[in-house]
Protein backbone atom coordinates (compact mmCIF):
# COMPACT_ATOMS: atom_id res chain seq x y z
CA MET A 1 41.38 -13.14 -92.32
CA SER A 2 39.09 -14.58 -89.69
CA LYS A 3 36.34 -12.55 -88.10
CA TYR A 4 34.22 -14.31 -85.51
CA GLU A 5 30.94 -12.49 -85.19
CA TRP A 6 27.24 -12.81 -84.37
CA GLU A 7 24.08 -10.74 -84.62
CA LYS A 8 20.45 -10.83 -83.53
CA GLY A 9 17.45 -8.60 -84.11
CA GLU A 10 13.79 -8.62 -83.10
CA PHE A 11 11.22 -6.61 -85.05
CA LYS A 12 7.64 -5.67 -84.31
CA ILE A 13 5.72 -5.70 -87.60
CA PRO A 14 2.61 -3.56 -88.31
CA SER A 15 -0.54 -5.68 -88.36
CA ALA A 16 -1.31 -4.68 -91.97
CA GLU A 17 2.14 -5.89 -93.07
CA TRP A 18 2.44 -9.14 -91.10
CA SER A 19 0.92 -11.58 -93.59
CA GLU A 20 2.74 -10.01 -96.55
CA LEU A 21 6.12 -10.14 -94.80
CA LYS A 22 5.72 -13.84 -94.03
CA SER A 23 4.48 -14.54 -97.55
CA ARG A 24 7.49 -12.86 -99.18
CA VAL A 25 9.95 -14.85 -97.08
CA ARG A 26 8.00 -18.09 -97.49
CA GLU A 27 7.71 -17.89 -101.27
CA ALA A 28 11.39 -17.04 -101.64
CA MET A 29 12.32 -20.03 -99.49
CA ASN A 30 9.99 -22.34 -101.42
CA LYS A 31 11.71 -21.30 -104.65
CA SER A 32 15.10 -21.84 -103.02
CA ASN A 33 14.08 -25.29 -101.82
CA LEU A 34 12.92 -26.23 -105.31
CA ASP A 35 16.26 -25.09 -106.75
CA MET A 36 18.15 -27.03 -104.08
CA PHE A 37 16.12 -30.18 -104.74
CA ASP A 38 16.98 -29.94 -108.44
CA ALA A 39 20.64 -29.48 -107.49
CA ALA A 40 20.52 -32.49 -105.17
CA VAL A 41 19.02 -34.72 -107.89
CA ALA A 42 21.70 -33.63 -110.37
CA LEU A 43 24.43 -34.17 -107.79
CA TYR A 44 23.17 -37.63 -106.87
CA ASP A 45 23.20 -38.73 -110.51
CA ARG A 46 26.75 -37.46 -111.04
CA VAL A 47 28.13 -39.04 -107.86
CA ALA A 48 26.36 -42.35 -108.53
CA ALA A 49 27.83 -42.53 -112.03
CA ARG A 50 31.30 -41.66 -110.77
CA VAL A 51 31.45 -44.25 -107.95
CA LYS A 52 29.77 -47.10 -109.84
CA GLY A 53 31.87 -50.23 -109.37
CA ILE A 54 34.23 -48.55 -106.88
CA LYS A 55 34.42 -49.93 -103.33
CA ASN A 56 34.93 -47.62 -100.36
CA ALA A 57 34.80 -44.48 -102.48
CA ASP A 58 35.21 -41.18 -100.63
CA LEU A 59 31.64 -40.09 -101.23
CA GLU A 60 31.83 -36.74 -99.50
CA HIS A 61 35.00 -35.69 -101.32
CA ILE A 62 33.50 -36.73 -104.66
CA ALA A 63 30.22 -34.96 -103.88
CA TRP A 64 32.03 -31.70 -103.10
CA ASP A 65 34.06 -32.03 -106.28
CA GLU A 66 30.91 -32.51 -108.34
CA ILE A 67 28.88 -29.74 -106.70
CA GLU A 68 31.68 -27.29 -107.47
CA LYS A 69 31.61 -28.42 -111.10
CA LEU A 70 27.84 -27.97 -111.23
CA TYR A 71 27.89 -24.60 -109.44
CA PRO A 72 31.34 -23.02 -109.89
CA ASP A 73 32.08 -19.89 -107.91
CA THR A 74 34.35 -17.42 -109.67
CA TYR A 75 35.22 -13.77 -109.11
CA TYR A 76 33.34 -12.69 -112.22
CA ARG A 77 30.35 -14.99 -111.84
CA PRO A 78 29.35 -16.10 -108.32
CA SER A 79 27.64 -19.45 -107.97
CA SER A 80 23.85 -19.50 -107.86
CA LEU A 81 24.20 -21.60 -104.69
CA THR A 82 25.98 -20.20 -101.64
CA ASP A 83 28.45 -22.28 -99.63
CA SER A 84 25.75 -22.88 -97.02
CA GLU A 85 23.32 -24.15 -99.65
CA LYS A 86 25.98 -26.35 -101.25
CA TYR A 87 26.62 -27.81 -97.81
CA ASP A 88 22.94 -28.66 -97.36
CA VAL A 89 22.76 -30.25 -100.83
CA VAL A 90 25.92 -32.34 -100.33
CA HIS A 91 24.82 -33.59 -96.93
CA THR A 92 21.40 -34.51 -98.27
CA VAL A 93 22.98 -36.71 -100.94
CA VAL A 94 25.78 -38.06 -98.74
CA SER A 95 24.60 -39.08 -95.29
CA SER A 96 26.97 -39.96 -92.46
CA GLU A 97 26.58 -42.36 -89.56
CA TYR A 98 29.00 -42.74 -86.64
CA LYS A 99 29.09 -46.30 -85.43
CA ASN A 100 31.61 -48.44 -83.54
CA GLY A 101 34.16 -45.64 -83.55
CA LYS A 102 33.96 -45.09 -87.29
CA THR A 103 32.10 -42.73 -89.56
CA LYS A 104 30.36 -44.42 -92.45
CA THR A 105 28.89 -42.57 -95.41
CA ARG A 106 26.33 -43.68 -97.95
CA LEU A 107 24.84 -42.25 -101.09
CA ARG A 108 21.20 -41.31 -100.61
CA LYS A 109 18.73 -40.36 -103.33
CA PRO A 110 17.15 -37.01 -102.43
CA LEU A 111 13.42 -36.77 -101.80
CA LYS A 112 11.14 -33.78 -102.24
CA LYS A 113 10.40 -33.82 -98.52
CA ASP A 114 14.08 -33.00 -97.91
CA PHE A 115 13.35 -29.56 -99.38
CA PRO A 116 9.65 -29.10 -98.58
CA ARG A 117 7.21 -26.54 -99.88
CA HIS A 118 6.03 -24.60 -96.83
CA GLY A 119 2.49 -23.46 -96.19
CA ASN A 120 1.39 -20.31 -94.37
CA ASN A 121 1.55 -22.10 -91.00
CA VAL A 122 5.35 -22.22 -90.98
CA THR A 123 6.86 -20.28 -88.06
CA GLU A 124 10.60 -20.83 -88.60
CA PHE A 125 13.15 -21.04 -91.40
CA SER A 126 16.76 -21.98 -90.83
CA ASN A 127 19.97 -23.06 -92.48
CA SER A 128 23.47 -23.74 -91.22
CA ASP A 129 24.13 -19.99 -90.85
CA CYS A 130 20.96 -18.29 -89.59
CA ILE A 131 17.43 -18.64 -88.20
CA VAL A 132 14.29 -16.57 -88.84
CA THR A 133 11.43 -17.08 -86.38
CA PHE A 134 7.89 -15.68 -86.61
CA ASP A 135 5.68 -15.14 -83.54
CA ASN A 136 2.11 -14.76 -84.79
CA ALA A 137 0.73 -13.80 -81.37
CA SER A 138 2.97 -10.76 -80.98
CA ARG A 139 3.61 -10.13 -84.70
CA THR A 140 7.34 -10.15 -84.12
CA VAL A 141 10.05 -11.70 -86.26
CA VAL A 142 13.53 -12.60 -84.99
CA TRP A 143 16.72 -12.76 -87.06
CA ASN A 144 19.46 -14.78 -85.35
CA VAL A 145 23.01 -15.52 -86.49
CA PRO A 146 25.02 -17.68 -84.03
CA GLU A 147 28.69 -16.80 -83.58
CA ASN A 148 31.05 -18.19 -86.19
CA ASN A 149 33.76 -17.08 -88.60
CA HIS A 150 32.32 -14.47 -91.00
CA ALA A 151 28.91 -15.67 -89.79
CA CYS A 152 26.95 -12.47 -90.48
CA GLU A 153 28.39 -12.01 -93.95
CA ARG A 154 27.60 -15.60 -94.88
CA ALA A 155 24.14 -15.54 -93.32
CA ARG A 156 23.03 -12.43 -95.20
CA ALA A 157 24.28 -13.94 -98.47
CA THR A 158 22.10 -17.06 -98.15
CA ALA A 159 18.69 -17.32 -99.80
CA LEU A 160 17.09 -16.94 -96.36
CA GLY A 161 19.14 -13.86 -95.51
CA LYS A 162 18.36 -12.21 -98.84
CA ALA A 163 14.66 -13.04 -98.57
CA PHE A 164 14.40 -11.77 -95.01
CA PHE A 165 16.11 -8.43 -95.55
CA SER A 166 14.32 -7.86 -98.83
CA ALA A 167 10.96 -8.42 -97.12
CA LEU A 168 11.95 -6.31 -94.11
CA GLY A 169 13.01 -3.46 -96.37
CA ARG A 170 9.55 -3.30 -97.97
CA VAL A 171 7.59 -2.92 -94.74
CA ALA A 172 5.59 0.29 -94.29
CA TRP A 173 6.51 0.98 -90.67
CA THR A 174 4.10 2.62 -88.23
CA ARG A 175 4.45 4.05 -84.74
CA GLY A 176 5.53 1.43 -82.22
CA THR A 177 6.93 -0.95 -84.82
CA GLY A 178 10.43 -1.78 -86.00
CA GLY A 179 13.53 -2.97 -84.22
CA THR A 180 17.32 -3.09 -84.15
CA ILE A 181 19.96 -5.67 -84.96
CA ILE A 182 22.75 -5.85 -82.41
CA GLY A 183 25.92 -7.87 -82.69
CA ASN A 184 29.57 -8.16 -81.88
CA ASP A 185 32.83 -9.40 -83.37
CA GLU A 186 36.26 -10.41 -82.18
CA TYR A 187 37.94 -7.18 -83.31
CA ASN A 188 35.52 -4.97 -81.42
CA GLN A 189 35.93 -7.13 -78.34
CA ASP A 190 39.72 -7.02 -78.57
CA ALA A 191 39.78 -3.26 -79.08
CA GLY A 192 37.49 -2.78 -76.10
CA ARG A 193 39.98 -4.28 -73.70
CA ASP A 194 41.87 -0.99 -73.66
CA TYR A 195 39.18 0.89 -71.75
CA ALA A 196 36.50 0.25 -69.13
CA GLY A 197 33.21 -0.92 -70.57
CA GLY A 198 34.65 -1.33 -74.05
CA GLY A 199 34.03 -4.17 -76.47
CA GLY A 200 30.31 -4.45 -75.83
CA SER A 201 27.66 -5.35 -78.38
CA TYR A 202 26.79 -2.62 -80.85
CA SER A 203 23.86 -1.63 -83.06
CA LYS A 204 24.25 -2.72 -86.69
CA ASP A 205 20.92 -1.96 -88.42
CA SER A 206 17.66 -0.34 -87.40
CA TYR A 207 14.22 -0.44 -89.01
CA GLY A 208 11.19 1.65 -88.13
CA PRO A 209 9.11 4.73 -89.01
CA ASP A 210 11.78 7.20 -87.86
CA VAL A 211 14.80 5.47 -89.42
CA LYS A 212 16.29 7.34 -92.35
CA PRO A 213 17.51 5.16 -95.22
CA LYS A 214 21.25 4.93 -95.73
CA HIS A 215 22.67 5.54 -99.19
CA GLY A 216 23.02 2.26 -101.03
CA SER A 217 20.99 0.30 -98.50
CA SER A 218 20.45 -3.35 -99.41
CA ALA A 219 20.24 -6.75 -97.80
CA TYR A 220 23.66 -5.95 -96.40
CA GLY A 221 22.84 -2.41 -95.34
CA SER A 222 20.65 -0.58 -92.91
CA GLY A 223 16.91 -0.47 -92.50
CA PHE A 224 14.44 1.76 -94.22
CA GLY A 225 10.76 2.13 -94.94
CA ARG A 226 8.97 0.74 -97.96
CA ARG A 227 10.76 0.93 -101.30
CA TRP A 228 8.92 0.70 -104.64
């Protein structure tokens, strides 16, 4: 069942926690990029072997077939790559160009710069589902998920989403710090049509010194102070 949704949150981070928060997210993303580069190299080799000697092969279809073989997603054992990450890997190996009214695809050998190792000067991470932005001047970090079908669920399941909420959950909050994630979805908007002022954006998660942890909190749950 479809569920179009979005969410956004801005968080003020204590000065003593700022560098550590960025470091946790950055190192997690560097590991993810290394894993995705390895996946892209393996995918390129498999697609190249499969299309050798074949003219006008459907490269994108073959690439998706091979990535699912490399990283199968089953009920009992989820893939180590999310759908978003598979998408990035496939479209690194198979590039598309629209020209003269036609879309042409070509097989492209992945390079390490496609999945770079970030230094401490990086101020933004993004994928096809979400964006995390750091503002060093104000020590604020923004989590943004543009509206799409099951967008929030997918975004929080990506390597970036997991890294961000894991790092946020370990912050030792102080007075004047923290923030709230607000969002909306099509069901809330539809239900709100029955009464004046209904269907507006709602609070989803809050983080700060006065926020009590919810039972079972995780990357998908609500905010809390530092966990050890």
